[in-house]
Amino acid sequence: MKKFVIAFATVALAVASAAEKRTITLYSPSVIGGQELKPGDYRIVVDGNKLSIKDGKRTIEAPVKVESEAKKFDTTAVRYAADKEVTEIRLGGSNTKLVLGSSASNAN
């Protein structure tokens, strides 16, 4: 019975951590999922091909394509289009790149 409980706890933990949770800092007004965000720190959650950002009581969702690069990124970096729209988030300490916008929705 003890082994069953340990195995169940391990599986439950793996399922709970399937969605990747990170924090990003936006230093200027930014647009994600058609919604404008003020500068500040935001918790992001990537679950499959969906990016969720919690902004107070509202949750902003946007399609995202998760890509892996050969080399790890030293720091988290946010890339923009000319109109303040976030097009890419590179997650520091990992080789994960989140591609947002039309290229993300076309790829999925």
N, C-alpha and C. Protein backbone atom coordinates (compact mmCIF):
# COMPACT_ATOMS: atom_id res chain seq x y z
N MET A 1 0.81 -1.19 0.00
CA MET A 1 0.00 0.00 0.00
C MET A 1 0.86 1.26 0.00
N LYS A 2 1.96 1.23 0.74
CA LYS A 2 2.85 2.38 0.82
C LYS A 2 3.45 2.71 -0.55
N LYS A 3 3.84 1.66 -1.30
CA LYS A 3 4.39 1.86 -2.65
C LYS A 3 3.35 2.47 -3.58
N PHE A 4 2.09 2.05 -3.42
CA PHE A 4 1.01 2.59 -4.24
C PHE A 4 0.83 4.09 -3.98
N VAL A 5 0.87 4.49 -2.74
CA VAL A 5 0.72 5.91 -2.38
C VAL A 5 1.87 6.73 -2.94
N ILE A 6 3.07 6.22 -2.84
CA ILE A 6 4.24 6.94 -3.37
C ILE A 6 4.15 7.05 -4.90
N ALA A 7 3.76 5.97 -5.56
CA ALA A 7 3.62 6.00 -7.02
C ALA A 7 2.52 6.97 -7.43
N PHE A 8 1.40 6.96 -6.72
CA PHE A 8 0.30 7.88 -7.03
C PHE A 8 0.74 9.33 -6.83
N ALA A 9 1.46 9.61 -5.76
CA ALA A 9 1.93 10.97 -5.50
C ALA A 9 2.90 11.43 -6.58
N THR A 10 3.74 10.55 -7.04
CA THR A 10 4.69 10.88 -8.10
C THR A 10 3.97 11.22 -9.40
N VAL A 11 2.99 10.41 -9.76
CA VAL A 11 2.22 10.65 -10.98
C VAL A 11 1.43 11.97 -10.86
N ALA A 12 0.83 12.22 -9.71
CA ALA A 12 0.07 13.46 -9.51
C ALA A 12 0.97 14.67 -9.62
N LEU A 13 2.17 14.59 -9.09
CA LEU A 13 3.12 15.68 -9.18
C LEU A 13 3.54 15.92 -10.62
N ALA A 14 3.76 14.87 -11.37
CA ALA A 14 4.15 15.00 -12.78
C ALA A 14 3.04 15.65 -13.59
N VAL A 15 1.80 15.29 -13.35
CA VAL A 15 0.67 15.89 -14.06
C VAL A 15 0.53 17.35 -13.69
N ALA A 16 0.70 17.68 -12.42
CA ALA A 16 0.56 19.06 -11.97
C ALA A 16 1.63 19.96 -12.56
N SER A 17 2.82 19.42 -12.80
CA SER A 17 3.90 20.24 -13.34
C SER A 17 3.95 20.20 -14.86
N ALA A 18 2.97 19.60 -15.52
CA ALA A 18 2.97 19.53 -16.98
C ALA A 18 2.86 20.91 -17.60
N ALA A 19 2.11 21.80 -17.00
CA ALA A 19 2.02 23.17 -17.49
C ALA A 19 3.19 23.94 -16.90
N GLU A 20 3.98 24.57 -17.77
CA GLU A 20 5.16 25.29 -17.32
C GLU A 20 4.77 26.68 -16.83
N LYS A 21 5.20 27.03 -15.62
CA LYS A 21 4.88 28.32 -15.02
C LYS A 21 6.18 29.12 -14.88
N ARG A 22 6.15 30.35 -15.32
CA ARG A 22 7.31 31.24 -15.26
C ARG A 22 6.85 32.65 -14.96
N THR A 23 7.79 33.52 -14.66
CA THR A 23 7.51 34.94 -14.47
C THR A 23 8.32 35.72 -15.49
N ILE A 24 7.66 36.71 -16.12
CA ILE A 24 8.37 37.59 -17.03
C ILE A 24 8.18 39.03 -16.56
N THR A 25 9.10 39.89 -16.95
CA THR A 25 9.01 41.32 -16.66
C THR A 25 8.87 42.06 -17.97
N LEU A 26 7.82 42.87 -18.06
CA LEU A 26 7.63 43.73 -19.23
C LEU A 26 8.06 45.14 -18.82
N TYR A 27 8.99 45.73 -19.57
CA TYR A 27 9.53 47.03 -19.22
C TYR A 27 8.82 48.18 -19.91
N SER A 28 7.96 47.87 -20.85
CA SER A 28 7.19 48.90 -21.56
C SER A 28 5.80 48.35 -21.85
N PRO A 29 4.84 49.22 -22.19
CA PRO A 29 3.51 48.71 -22.55
C PRO A 29 3.62 47.66 -23.65
N SER A 30 2.91 46.57 -23.48
CA SER A 30 3.02 45.44 -24.40
C SER A 30 1.64 44.89 -24.73
N VAL A 31 1.53 44.28 -25.91
CA VAL A 31 0.27 43.68 -26.34
C VAL A 31 0.49 42.17 -26.51
N ILE A 32 -0.35 41.39 -25.80
CA ILE A 32 -0.34 39.94 -25.93
C ILE A 32 -1.78 39.49 -26.07
N GLY A 33 -2.05 38.70 -27.07
CA GLY A 33 -3.41 38.20 -27.28
C GLY A 33 -4.41 39.32 -27.52
N GLY A 34 -3.94 40.41 -28.12
CA GLY A 34 -4.82 41.55 -28.41
C GLY A 34 -5.12 42.42 -27.21
N GLN A 35 -4.55 42.12 -26.06
CA GLN A 35 -4.78 42.89 -24.84
C GLN A 35 -3.50 43.63 -24.45
N GLU A 36 -3.65 44.88 -24.05
CA GLU A 36 -2.48 45.66 -23.64
C GLU A 36 -2.18 45.42 -22.17
N LEU A 37 -0.90 45.25 -21.89
CA LEU A 37 -0.42 45.06 -20.52
C LEU A 37 0.51 46.22 -20.15
N LYS A 38 0.39 46.70 -18.93
CA LYS A 38 1.27 47.75 -18.43
C LYS A 38 2.61 47.13 -18.06
N PRO A 39 3.66 47.96 -17.96
CA PRO A 39 4.94 47.43 -17.50
C PRO A 39 4.80 46.80 -16.11
N GLY A 40 5.50 45.70 -15.90
CA GLY A 40 5.44 45.03 -14.61
C GLY A 40 5.79 43.56 -14.73
N ASP A 41 5.68 42.86 -13.62
CA ASP A 41 5.96 41.42 -13.56
C ASP A 41 4.67 40.65 -13.73
N TYR A 42 4.73 39.59 -14.53
CA TYR A 42 3.57 38.77 -14.81
C TYR A 42 3.93 37.30 -14.73
N ARG A 43 3.02 36.51 -14.19
CA ARG A 43 3.18 35.06 -14.17
C ARG A 43 2.58 34.52 -15.46
N ILE A 44 3.36 33.73 -16.18
CA ILE A 44 2.86 33.11 -17.41
C ILE A 44 2.79 31.60 -17.20
N VAL A 45 1.81 31.01 -17.85
CA VAL A 45 1.65 29.55 -17.81
C VAL A 45 1.51 29.07 -19.24
N VAL A 46 2.35 28.13 -19.62
CA VAL A 46 2.28 27.52 -20.95
C VAL A 46 1.72 26.13 -20.78
N ASP A 47 0.59 25.89 -21.43
CA ASP A 47 -0.05 24.59 -21.37
C ASP A 47 -0.35 24.17 -22.80
N GLY A 48 0.51 23.30 -23.34
CA GLY A 48 0.34 22.88 -24.74
C GLY A 48 0.62 24.04 -25.66
N ASN A 49 -0.39 24.43 -26.43
CA ASN A 49 -0.22 25.52 -27.40
C ASN A 49 -0.96 26.78 -26.93
N LYS A 50 -1.11 26.93 -25.60
CA LYS A 50 -1.81 28.09 -25.05
C LYS A 50 -0.95 28.77 -23.99
N LEU A 51 -0.81 30.08 -24.12
CA LEU A 51 -0.12 30.91 -23.14
C LEU A 51 -1.17 31.67 -22.34
N SER A 52 -1.09 31.61 -21.02
CA SER A 52 -2.00 32.34 -20.15
C SER A 52 -1.20 33.30 -19.29
N ILE A 53 -1.71 34.52 -19.17
CA ILE A 53 -1.07 35.54 -18.34
C ILE A 53 -2.11 36.07 -17.37
N LYS A 54 -1.77 36.06 -16.10
CA LYS A 54 -2.67 36.57 -15.08
C LYS A 54 -2.34 38.04 -14.84
N ASP A 55 -3.35 38.90 -15.04
CA ASP A 55 -3.20 40.34 -14.83
C ASP A 55 -4.30 40.79 -13.88
N GLY A 56 -4.02 40.74 -12.60
CA GLY A 56 -5.06 41.06 -11.62
C GLY A 56 -6.16 40.02 -11.68
N LYS A 57 -7.38 40.47 -11.96
CA LYS A 57 -8.51 39.54 -12.03
C LYS A 57 -8.71 38.97 -13.42
N ARG A 58 -8.10 39.57 -14.44
CA ARG A 58 -8.29 39.06 -15.79
C ARG A 58 -7.16 38.11 -16.18
N THR A 59 -7.51 37.16 -17.01
CA THR A 59 -6.53 36.22 -17.56
C THR A 59 -6.51 36.40 -19.06
N ILE A 60 -5.34 36.64 -19.59
CA ILE A 60 -5.16 36.83 -21.03
C ILE A 60 -4.61 35.53 -21.59
N GLU A 61 -5.22 35.07 -22.69
CA GLU A 61 -4.75 33.85 -23.33
C GLU A 61 -4.36 34.16 -24.77
N ALA A 62 -3.35 33.47 -25.25
CA ALA A 62 -2.89 33.65 -26.62
C ALA A 62 -2.33 32.33 -27.14
N PRO A 63 -2.47 32.09 -28.44
CA PRO A 63 -1.84 30.89 -29.01
C PRO A 63 -0.33 31.04 -28.96
N VAL A 64 0.34 29.95 -28.72
CA VAL A 64 1.80 29.98 -28.63
C VAL A 64 2.37 28.72 -29.26
N LYS A 65 3.51 28.86 -29.86
CA LYS A 65 4.25 27.73 -30.40
C LYS A 65 5.53 27.62 -29.57
N VAL A 66 5.74 26.47 -28.96
CA VAL A 66 6.92 26.25 -28.13
C VAL A 66 8.01 25.64 -29.00
N GLU A 67 9.17 26.31 -29.02
CA GLU A 67 10.31 25.84 -29.80
C GLU A 67 11.51 25.65 -28.88
N SER A 68 12.41 24.79 -29.29
CA SER A 68 13.65 24.57 -28.54
C SER A 68 14.83 25.01 -29.38
N GLU A 69 15.74 25.72 -28.76
CA GLU A 69 16.97 26.14 -29.41
C GLU A 69 18.10 25.22 -28.96
N ALA A 70 19.20 25.23 -29.69
CA ALA A 70 20.33 24.37 -29.37
C ALA A 70 21.03 24.80 -28.08
N LYS A 71 21.05 26.11 -27.83
CA LYS A 71 21.78 26.65 -26.68
C LYS A 71 20.80 27.28 -25.70
N LYS A 72 21.09 27.16 -24.41
CA LYS A 72 20.25 27.77 -23.38
C LYS A 72 20.37 29.30 -23.43
N PHE A 73 19.27 29.98 -23.10
CA PHE A 73 19.28 31.43 -23.02
C PHE A 73 19.76 31.84 -21.63
N ASP A 74 20.65 32.84 -21.57
CA ASP A 74 21.19 33.30 -20.30
C ASP A 74 20.12 34.01 -19.46
N THR A 75 19.32 34.84 -20.12
CA THR A 75 18.29 35.61 -19.42
C THR A 75 16.98 35.53 -20.19
N THR A 76 15.90 35.86 -19.52
CA THR A 76 14.61 35.91 -20.19
C THR A 76 14.56 37.19 -21.02
N ALA A 77 14.14 37.07 -22.27
CA ALA A 77 14.07 38.22 -23.17
C ALA A 77 12.72 38.21 -23.89
N VAL A 78 12.16 39.40 -24.06
CA VAL A 78 10.90 39.56 -24.76
C VAL A 78 11.17 40.34 -26.04
N ARG A 79 10.71 39.80 -27.17
CA ARG A 79 10.90 40.47 -28.47
C ARG A 79 9.56 41.00 -28.95
N TYR A 80 9.61 42.15 -29.60
CA TYR A 80 8.41 42.86 -30.02
C TYR A 80 8.36 43.11 -31.52
N ALA A 81 7.12 43.27 -32.03
CA ALA A 81 6.91 43.81 -33.37
C ALA A 81 6.88 45.33 -33.20
N ALA A 82 6.77 46.05 -34.30
CA ALA A 82 6.79 47.51 -34.26
C ALA A 82 5.62 48.10 -33.47
N ASP A 83 4.53 47.38 -33.31
CA ASP A 83 3.33 47.92 -32.68
C ASP A 83 3.14 47.48 -31.22
N LYS A 84 4.22 47.26 -30.48
CA LYS A 84 4.21 46.83 -29.08
C LYS A 84 3.72 45.40 -28.88
N GLU A 85 3.45 44.67 -29.96
CA GLU A 85 2.98 43.31 -29.82
C GLU A 85 4.15 42.36 -29.56
N VAL A 86 4.00 41.54 -28.53
CA VAL A 86 5.04 40.57 -28.18
C VAL A 86 5.00 39.45 -29.22
N THR A 87 6.15 39.19 -29.83
CA THR A 87 6.23 38.14 -30.84
C THR A 87 6.98 36.91 -30.35
N GLU A 88 7.80 37.09 -29.29
CA GLU A 88 8.63 35.98 -28.85
C GLU A 88 9.06 36.21 -27.40
N ILE A 89 9.09 35.14 -26.63
CA ILE A 89 9.62 35.18 -25.27
C ILE A 89 10.65 34.07 -25.17
N ARG A 90 11.89 34.45 -24.84
CA ARG A 90 12.96 33.47 -24.65
C ARG A 90 13.16 33.30 -23.15
N LEU A 91 12.98 32.09 -22.68
CA LEU A 91 12.99 31.82 -21.24
C LEU A 91 14.41 31.56 -20.74
N GLY A 92 14.91 32.46 -19.91
CA GLY A 92 16.26 32.36 -19.36
C GLY A 92 16.47 31.08 -18.57
N GLY A 93 17.67 30.52 -18.70
CA GLY A 93 17.99 29.28 -17.99
C GLY A 93 17.48 28.04 -18.69
N SER A 94 16.86 28.22 -19.86
CA SER A 94 16.36 27.07 -20.63
C SER A 94 16.66 27.32 -22.10
N ASN A 95 16.34 26.34 -22.92
CA ASN A 95 16.48 26.51 -24.36
C ASN A 95 15.10 26.68 -25.01
N THR A 96 14.12 27.10 -24.21
CA THR A 96 12.74 27.23 -24.67
C THR A 96 12.45 28.63 -25.18
N LYS A 97 11.84 28.67 -26.38
CA LYS A 97 11.42 29.92 -27.00
C LYS A 97 9.92 29.82 -27.26
N LEU A 98 9.17 30.83 -26.82
CA LEU A 98 7.73 30.89 -27.05
C LEU A 98 7.46 31.86 -28.18
N VAL A 99 6.86 31.39 -29.26
CA VAL A 99 6.57 32.22 -30.41
C VAL A 99 5.07 32.55 -30.39
N LEU A 100 4.75 33.85 -30.36
CA LEU A 100 3.37 34.31 -30.29
C LEU A 100 2.99 34.96 -31.60
N GLY A 101 1.71 35.27 -31.76
CA GLY A 101 1.23 35.99 -32.93
C GLY A 101 0.79 35.06 -34.03
N SER A 102 0.77 35.59 -35.25
CA SER A 102 0.23 34.85 -36.39
C SER A 102 1.04 33.60 -36.70
N SER A 103 2.35 33.63 -36.48
CA SER A 103 3.15 32.44 -36.78
C SER A 103 2.83 31.30 -35.80
N ALA A 104 2.44 31.65 -34.57
CA ALA A 104 2.08 30.61 -33.59
C ALA A 104 0.75 29.97 -33.94
N SER A 105 -0.24 30.78 -34.34
CA SER A 105 -1.55 30.22 -34.64
C SER A 105 -1.55 29.47 -35.97
N ASN A 106 -0.70 29.84 -36.89
CA ASN A 106 -0.61 29.13 -38.17
C ASN A 106 0.12 27.80 -38.02
N ALA A 107 1.02 27.70 -37.04
CA ALA A 107 1.82 26.48 -36.88
C ALA A 107 1.06 25.39 -36.16
N ASN A 108 0.02 25.73 -35.41
CA ASN A 108 -0.70 24.73 -34.62
C ASN A 108 -1.91 24.21 -35.30
